[in-house]
Amino acid sequence: MPIAFRSPTKFKVGDLVLLAYDEFRMYGYGIVLEAHKNGEYKVYWFGDSRVDLETGFDIVPADLTNEWT
């Protein structure tokens, strides 16, 4: 059976994101500051007040509807 790769989500400036591999949300939330054409995104992480370059495979959209209701 062939390996199935997921395609990265397209994000836009202002999207709230989480790290895809951060199951327990230790790194917290980030906001997309800039989208590059090569599939990388400049993300500001609120937890440690840093700006990092992330790929579309490393981040997922944050869903606040279940946490705040």
C-alpha atoms as a PDB file:
ATOM      1  CA  MET A   1       0.000   0.000   0.000  1.00  0.00           C
ATOM      2  CA  PRO A   2       1.461   3.414  -0.915  1.00  0.00           C
ATOM      3  CA  ILE A   3       2.225   6.001   1.713  1.00  0.00           C
ATOM      4  CA  ALA A   4      -0.396   8.756   1.715  1.00  0.00           C
ATOM      5  CA  PHE A   5       0.912  12.220   2.468  1.00  0.00           C
ATOM      6  CA  ARG A   6      -1.470  14.956   3.544  1.00  0.00           C
ATOM      7  CA  SER A   7      -1.232  18.210   1.710  1.00  0.00           C
ATOM      8  CA  PRO A   8      -0.485  21.273   3.841  1.00  0.00           C
ATOM      9  CA  THR A   9      -3.290  23.616   4.792  1.00  0.00           C
ATOM     10  CA  LYS A  10      -3.195  27.044   3.181  1.00  0.00           C
ATOM     11  CA  PHE A  11      -3.077  29.705   5.881  1.00  0.00           C
ATOM     12  CA  LYS A  12      -3.532  33.443   5.593  1.00  0.00           C
ATOM     13  CA  VAL A  13      -2.314  36.323   7.717  1.00  0.00           C
ATOM     14  CA  GLY A  14      -4.234  36.474  10.991  1.00  0.00           C
ATOM     15  CA  ASP A  15      -5.051  32.742  11.248  1.00  0.00           C
ATOM     16  CA  LEU A  16      -4.760  31.252  14.739  1.00  0.00           C
ATOM     17  CA  VAL A  17      -2.650  28.076  14.680  1.00  0.00           C
ATOM     18  CA  LEU A  18      -1.188  25.284  16.803  1.00  0.00           C
ATOM     19  CA  LEU A  19       1.788  23.021  16.211  1.00  0.00           C
ATOM     20  CA  ALA A  20       0.597  19.802  14.591  1.00  0.00           C
ATOM     21  CA  TYR A  21       2.709  17.567  16.820  1.00  0.00           C
ATOM     22  CA  ASP A  22       1.927  19.432  20.072  1.00  0.00           C
ATOM     23  CA  GLU A  23      -0.704  17.020  21.388  1.00  0.00           C
ATOM     24  CA  PHE A  24      -0.868  18.596  24.863  1.00  0.00           C
ATOM     25  CA  ARG A  25      -0.625  22.202  23.631  1.00  0.00           C
ATOM     26  CA  MET A  26       2.499  22.914  25.612  1.00  0.00           C
ATOM     27  CA  TYR A  27       3.678  25.445  23.035  1.00  0.00           C
ATOM     28  CA  GLY A  28       0.313  27.155  22.919  1.00  0.00           C
ATOM     29  CA  TYR A  29      -1.235  29.257  20.201  1.00  0.00           C
ATOM     30  CA  GLY A  30       0.301  31.308  17.450  1.00  0.00           C
ATOM     31  CA  ILE A  31      -0.880  33.748  14.826  1.00  0.00           C
ATOM     32  CA  VAL A  32       0.273  33.814  11.218  1.00  0.00           C
ATOM     33  CA  LEU A  33       2.095  37.075  10.506  1.00  0.00           C
ATOM     34  CA  GLU A  34       3.295  36.448   6.972  1.00  0.00           C
ATOM     35  CA  ALA A  35       2.768  33.792   4.286  1.00  0.00           C
ATOM     36  CA  HIS A  36       5.597  32.947   1.882  1.00  0.00           C
ATOM     37  CA  LYS A  37       5.105  31.456  -1.585  1.00  0.00           C
ATOM     38  CA  ASN A  38       7.271  28.437  -0.761  1.00  0.00           C
ATOM     39  CA  GLY A  39       4.744  27.153   1.814  1.00  0.00           C
ATOM     40  CA  GLU A  40       6.390  28.596   4.888  1.00  0.00           C
ATOM     41  CA  TYR A  41       4.725  30.909   7.373  1.00  0.00           C
ATOM     42  CA  LYS A  42       6.087  33.421   9.842  1.00  0.00           C
ATOM     43  CA  VAL A  43       4.228  32.700  13.093  1.00  0.00           C
ATOM     44  CA  TYR A  44       4.191  34.662  16.346  1.00  0.00           C
ATOM     45  CA  TRP A  45       3.906  32.260  19.305  1.00  0.00           C
ATOM     46  CA  PHE A  46       2.084  33.811  22.265  1.00  0.00           C
ATOM     47  CA  GLY A  47       3.515  31.371  24.844  1.00  0.00           C
ATOM     48  CA  ASP A  48       7.149  32.374  24.438  1.00  0.00           C
ATOM     49  CA  SER A  49       6.765  35.682  22.543  1.00  0.00           C
ATOM     50  CA  ARG A  50       8.860  34.478  19.599  1.00  0.00           C
ATOM     51  CA  VAL A  51       8.500  34.639  15.847  1.00  0.00           C
ATOM     52  CA  ASP A  52       9.398  31.386  14.073  1.00  0.00           C
ATOM     53  CA  LEU A  53       9.283  30.179  10.498  1.00  0.00           C
ATOM     54  CA  GLU A  54       6.986  27.135  10.199  1.00  0.00           C
ATOM     55  CA  THR A  55       5.943  24.967   7.264  1.00  0.00           C
ATOM     56  CA  GLY A  56       2.355  24.190   6.352  1.00  0.00           C
ATOM     57  CA  PHE A  57       2.914  20.625   7.578  1.00  0.00           C
ATOM     58  CA  ASP A  58       4.000  21.765  11.055  1.00  0.00           C
ATOM     59  CA  ILE A  59       0.985  23.895  11.937  1.00  0.00           C
ATOM     60  CA  VAL A  60      -2.757  23.243  12.066  1.00  0.00           C
ATOM     61  CA  PRO A  61      -5.705  25.621  12.453  1.00  0.00           C
ATOM     62  CA  ALA A  62      -6.692  26.251  16.079  1.00  0.00           C
ATOM     63  CA  ASP A  63     -10.275  25.454  16.997  1.00  0.00           C
ATOM     64  CA  LEU A  64     -11.471  27.476  19.984  1.00  0.00           C
ATOM     65  CA  THR A  65     -15.152  26.513  19.792  1.00  0.00           C
ATOM     66  CA  ASN A  66     -14.828  23.464  22.065  1.00  0.00           C
ATOM     67  CA  GLU A  67     -12.543  25.107  24.600  1.00  0.00           C
ATOM     68  CA  TRP A  68     -14.551  28.216  25.327  1.00  0.00           C
ATOM     69  CA  THR A  69     -18.079  26.830  25.426  1.00  0.00           C
END
